[in-house]
N, C-alpha and C. Protein backbone atom coordinates (compact mmCIF):
# COMPACT_ATOMS: atom_id res chain seq x y z
N MET A 1 0.85 -1.17 0.00
CA MET A 1 0.00 0.00 0.00
C MET A 1 0.90 1.23 0.00
N GLY A 2 0.66 2.13 -0.91
CA GLY A 2 1.49 3.30 -1.04
C GLY A 2 0.95 4.48 -0.25
N ILE A 3 1.74 5.52 -0.24
CA ILE A 3 1.37 6.72 0.50
C ILE A 3 0.12 7.36 -0.12
N LEU A 4 -0.02 7.29 -1.44
CA LEU A 4 -1.20 7.88 -2.07
C LEU A 4 -2.47 7.14 -1.69
N ASP A 5 -2.38 5.83 -1.53
CA ASP A 5 -3.54 5.06 -1.09
C ASP A 5 -3.97 5.50 0.30
N THR A 6 -2.98 5.66 1.17
CA THR A 6 -3.28 6.06 2.54
C THR A 6 -3.86 7.47 2.58
N LEU A 7 -3.29 8.37 1.79
CA LEU A 7 -3.81 9.74 1.74
C LEU A 7 -5.24 9.77 1.23
N GLY A 8 -5.56 8.93 0.26
CA GLY A 8 -6.92 8.86 -0.24
C GLY A 8 -7.89 8.37 0.81
N GLU A 9 -7.47 7.39 1.58
CA GLU A 9 -8.33 6.86 2.64
C GLU A 9 -8.53 7.89 3.75
N VAL A 10 -7.46 8.60 4.11
CA VAL A 10 -7.58 9.64 5.13
C VAL A 10 -8.50 10.76 4.64
N ALA A 11 -8.37 11.13 3.39
CA ALA A 11 -9.24 12.16 2.83
C ALA A 11 -10.70 11.71 2.87
N GLY A 12 -10.95 10.44 2.61
CA GLY A 12 -12.31 9.92 2.70
C GLY A 12 -12.85 10.00 4.11
N ALA A 13 -12.01 9.69 5.09
CA ALA A 13 -12.42 9.77 6.49
C ALA A 13 -12.73 11.21 6.89
N VAL A 14 -11.86 12.13 6.49
CA VAL A 14 -12.08 13.54 6.82
C VAL A 14 -13.36 14.05 6.17
N ALA A 15 -13.59 13.70 4.92
CA ALA A 15 -14.80 14.14 4.22
C ALA A 15 -16.05 13.60 4.91
N ALA A 16 -16.00 12.36 5.36
CA ALA A 16 -17.16 11.77 6.03
C ALA A 16 -17.44 12.47 7.35
N VAL A 17 -16.40 12.78 8.11
CA VAL A 17 -16.59 13.48 9.39
C VAL A 17 -17.14 14.88 9.13
N GLU A 18 -16.62 15.57 8.13
CA GLU A 18 -17.12 16.91 7.80
C GLU A 18 -18.60 16.85 7.42
N GLY A 19 -18.97 15.80 6.66
CA GLY A 19 -20.37 15.64 6.28
C GLY A 19 -21.26 15.42 7.48
N VAL A 20 -20.81 14.63 8.43
CA VAL A 20 -21.60 14.40 9.65
C VAL A 20 -21.75 15.70 10.42
N GLU A 21 -20.68 16.47 10.52
CA GLU A 21 -20.74 17.73 11.26
C GLU A 21 -21.69 18.73 10.61
N LYS A 22 -21.77 18.71 9.29
CA LYS A 22 -22.70 19.61 8.60
C LYS A 22 -24.15 19.16 8.80
N LEU A 23 -24.38 17.86 8.79
CA LEU A 23 -25.72 17.35 8.99
C LEU A 23 -26.18 17.49 10.44
N ASP A 24 -25.26 17.25 11.38
CA ASP A 24 -25.59 17.30 12.80
C ASP A 24 -24.45 17.96 13.56
N PRO A 25 -24.54 19.28 13.76
CA PRO A 25 -23.46 19.98 14.45
C PRO A 25 -23.21 19.47 15.88
N ASP A 26 -24.20 18.85 16.48
CA ASP A 26 -24.06 18.33 17.84
C ASP A 26 -23.74 16.84 17.87
N ALA A 27 -23.22 16.32 16.77
CA ALA A 27 -22.91 14.89 16.70
C ALA A 27 -21.87 14.52 17.74
N GLY A 28 -22.05 13.36 18.32
CA GLY A 28 -21.14 12.90 19.36
C GLY A 28 -19.88 12.28 18.78
N LEU A 29 -18.96 11.99 19.67
CA LEU A 29 -17.68 11.41 19.28
C LEU A 29 -17.86 10.06 18.60
N LEU A 30 -18.79 9.25 19.12
CA LEU A 30 -19.02 7.93 18.54
C LEU A 30 -19.54 8.04 17.10
N THR A 31 -20.42 8.99 16.85
CA THR A 31 -20.95 9.20 15.50
C THR A 31 -19.85 9.65 14.55
N LYS A 32 -19.01 10.55 15.02
CA LYS A 32 -17.91 11.03 14.18
C LYS A 32 -16.90 9.92 13.91
N ALA A 33 -16.65 9.10 14.91
CA ALA A 33 -15.72 7.98 14.73
C ALA A 33 -16.27 6.98 13.72
N ALA A 34 -17.57 6.69 13.82
CA ALA A 34 -18.19 5.77 12.87
C ALA A 34 -18.12 6.32 11.45
N ALA A 35 -18.34 7.63 11.31
CA ALA A 35 -18.25 8.25 9.99
C ALA A 35 -16.83 8.19 9.45
N ALA A 36 -15.85 8.40 10.32
CA ALA A 36 -14.45 8.35 9.90
C ALA A 36 -14.09 6.96 9.40
N VAL A 37 -14.51 5.94 10.14
CA VAL A 37 -14.22 4.57 9.72
C VAL A 37 -14.91 4.25 8.40
N ALA A 38 -16.16 4.66 8.28
CA ALA A 38 -16.90 4.41 7.03
C ALA A 38 -16.25 5.13 5.85
N GLY A 39 -15.84 6.37 6.06
CA GLY A 39 -15.17 7.12 5.00
C GLY A 39 -13.86 6.51 4.61
N PHE A 40 -13.10 6.05 5.60
CA PHE A 40 -11.81 5.42 5.36
C PHE A 40 -12.00 4.14 4.54
N GLU A 41 -12.92 3.29 4.97
CA GLU A 41 -13.18 2.03 4.27
C GLU A 41 -13.78 2.28 2.88
N GLY A 42 -14.66 3.27 2.79
CA GLY A 42 -15.29 3.58 1.50
C GLY A 42 -14.28 4.07 0.48
N ALA A 43 -13.36 4.90 0.91
CA ALA A 43 -12.32 5.40 -0.01
C ALA A 43 -11.44 4.25 -0.47
N GLY A 44 -11.12 3.34 0.44
CA GLY A 44 -10.30 2.18 0.06
C GLY A 44 -11.02 1.30 -0.94
N ALA A 45 -12.31 1.09 -0.72
CA ALA A 45 -13.10 0.27 -1.64
C ALA A 45 -13.22 0.94 -3.00
N LEU A 46 -13.37 2.25 -2.99
CA LEU A 46 -13.46 2.99 -4.26
C LEU A 46 -12.15 2.90 -5.04
N GLU A 47 -11.02 2.99 -4.36
CA GLU A 47 -9.73 2.85 -5.03
C GLU A 47 -9.57 1.46 -5.63
N GLU A 48 -9.99 0.44 -4.90
CA GLU A 48 -9.92 -0.93 -5.43
C GLU A 48 -10.79 -1.09 -6.67
N LEU A 49 -11.97 -0.47 -6.65
CA LEU A 49 -12.86 -0.54 -7.79
C LEU A 49 -12.24 0.13 -9.02
N VAL A 50 -11.62 1.28 -8.82
CA VAL A 50 -10.98 1.99 -9.92
C VAL A 50 -9.82 1.17 -10.49
N GLU A 51 -9.01 0.57 -9.60
CA GLU A 51 -7.89 -0.25 -10.06
C GLU A 51 -8.38 -1.46 -10.84
N LYS A 52 -9.46 -2.09 -10.36
CA LYS A 52 -10.01 -3.25 -11.05
C LYS A 52 -10.54 -2.85 -12.43
N LYS A 53 -11.17 -1.69 -12.50
CA LYS A 53 -11.69 -1.20 -13.78
C LYS A 53 -10.54 -0.96 -14.76
N LYS A 54 -9.44 -0.39 -14.28
CA LYS A 54 -8.27 -0.16 -15.14
C LYS A 54 -7.72 -1.48 -15.65
N GLU A 55 -7.62 -2.46 -14.75
CA GLU A 55 -7.11 -3.78 -15.16
C GLU A 55 -8.03 -4.42 -16.18
N ASP A 56 -9.34 -4.31 -15.98
CA ASP A 56 -10.30 -4.88 -16.92
C ASP A 56 -10.19 -4.20 -18.29
N ASP A 57 -10.02 -2.89 -18.28
CA ASP A 57 -9.87 -2.15 -19.54
C ASP A 57 -8.60 -2.57 -20.27
N GLU A 58 -7.50 -2.73 -19.51
CA GLU A 58 -6.24 -3.15 -20.13
C GLU A 58 -6.36 -4.56 -20.70
N THR A 59 -7.03 -5.44 -19.99
CA THR A 59 -7.23 -6.81 -20.47
C THR A 59 -8.08 -6.81 -21.73
N ALA A 60 -9.13 -6.02 -21.74
CA ALA A 60 -10.00 -5.94 -22.93
C ALA A 60 -9.24 -5.37 -24.12
N GLU A 61 -8.38 -4.39 -23.86
CA GLU A 61 -7.59 -3.78 -24.93
C GLU A 61 -6.61 -4.79 -25.51
N LYS A 62 -5.96 -5.57 -24.64
CA LYS A 62 -5.03 -6.59 -25.11
C LYS A 62 -5.76 -7.66 -25.90
N SER A 63 -6.95 -8.02 -25.47
CA SER A 63 -7.74 -9.03 -26.19
C SER A 63 -8.15 -8.50 -27.56
N ALA A 64 -8.51 -7.24 -27.62
CA ALA A 64 -8.89 -6.64 -28.90
C ALA A 64 -7.69 -6.57 -29.84
N ASP A 65 -6.51 -6.23 -29.29
CA ASP A 65 -5.31 -6.19 -30.11
C ASP A 65 -4.96 -7.58 -30.64
N ALA A 66 -5.10 -8.57 -29.79
CA ALA A 66 -4.82 -9.94 -30.20
C ALA A 66 -5.79 -10.40 -31.29
N ALA A 67 -7.05 -10.00 -31.16
CA ALA A 67 -8.04 -10.36 -32.18
C ALA A 67 -7.75 -9.66 -33.49
N ASP A 68 -7.30 -8.41 -33.43
CA ASP A 68 -6.93 -7.70 -34.64
C ASP A 68 -5.75 -8.35 -35.33
N ASP A 69 -4.77 -8.79 -34.55
CA ASP A 69 -3.59 -9.46 -35.12
C ASP A 69 -4.00 -10.77 -35.78
N THR A 70 -4.92 -11.49 -35.19
CA THR A 70 -5.39 -12.75 -35.75
C THR A 70 -6.15 -12.50 -37.05
N ASP A 71 -6.97 -11.47 -37.08
CA ASP A 71 -7.73 -11.15 -38.29
C ASP A 71 -6.80 -10.74 -39.43
N THR A 72 -5.76 -10.00 -39.13
CA THR A 72 -4.83 -9.54 -40.16
C THR A 72 -4.05 -10.71 -40.74
N SER A 73 -3.61 -11.62 -39.89
CA SER A 73 -2.84 -12.76 -40.39
C SER A 73 -3.74 -13.74 -41.15
N ALA A 74 -5.00 -13.79 -40.82
CA ALA A 74 -5.93 -14.69 -41.50
C ALA A 74 -6.23 -14.18 -42.92
N GLN A 75 -6.19 -12.85 -43.11
CA GLN A 75 -6.51 -12.26 -44.40
C GLN A 75 -5.34 -12.35 -45.37
N SER A 76 -4.14 -12.57 -44.90
CA SER A 76 -2.94 -12.60 -45.76
C SER A 76 -2.86 -13.82 -46.62
């Protein structure tokens, strides 16, 4: 896990706590802690989803290139 992954997760936690404070200015410590954990985990899950999407796109691109190469050699 790199520093950028950690920074993204911390930013998610901070954003979640800020959102709770805007919705309920009198929110307790437990509520803020729960929001921080949810934001941290949510940001991590979102990063994993983006990485998986990139890998899927790269795999599809390689498959398309391989199919193009096969079509070209078949026409020769």
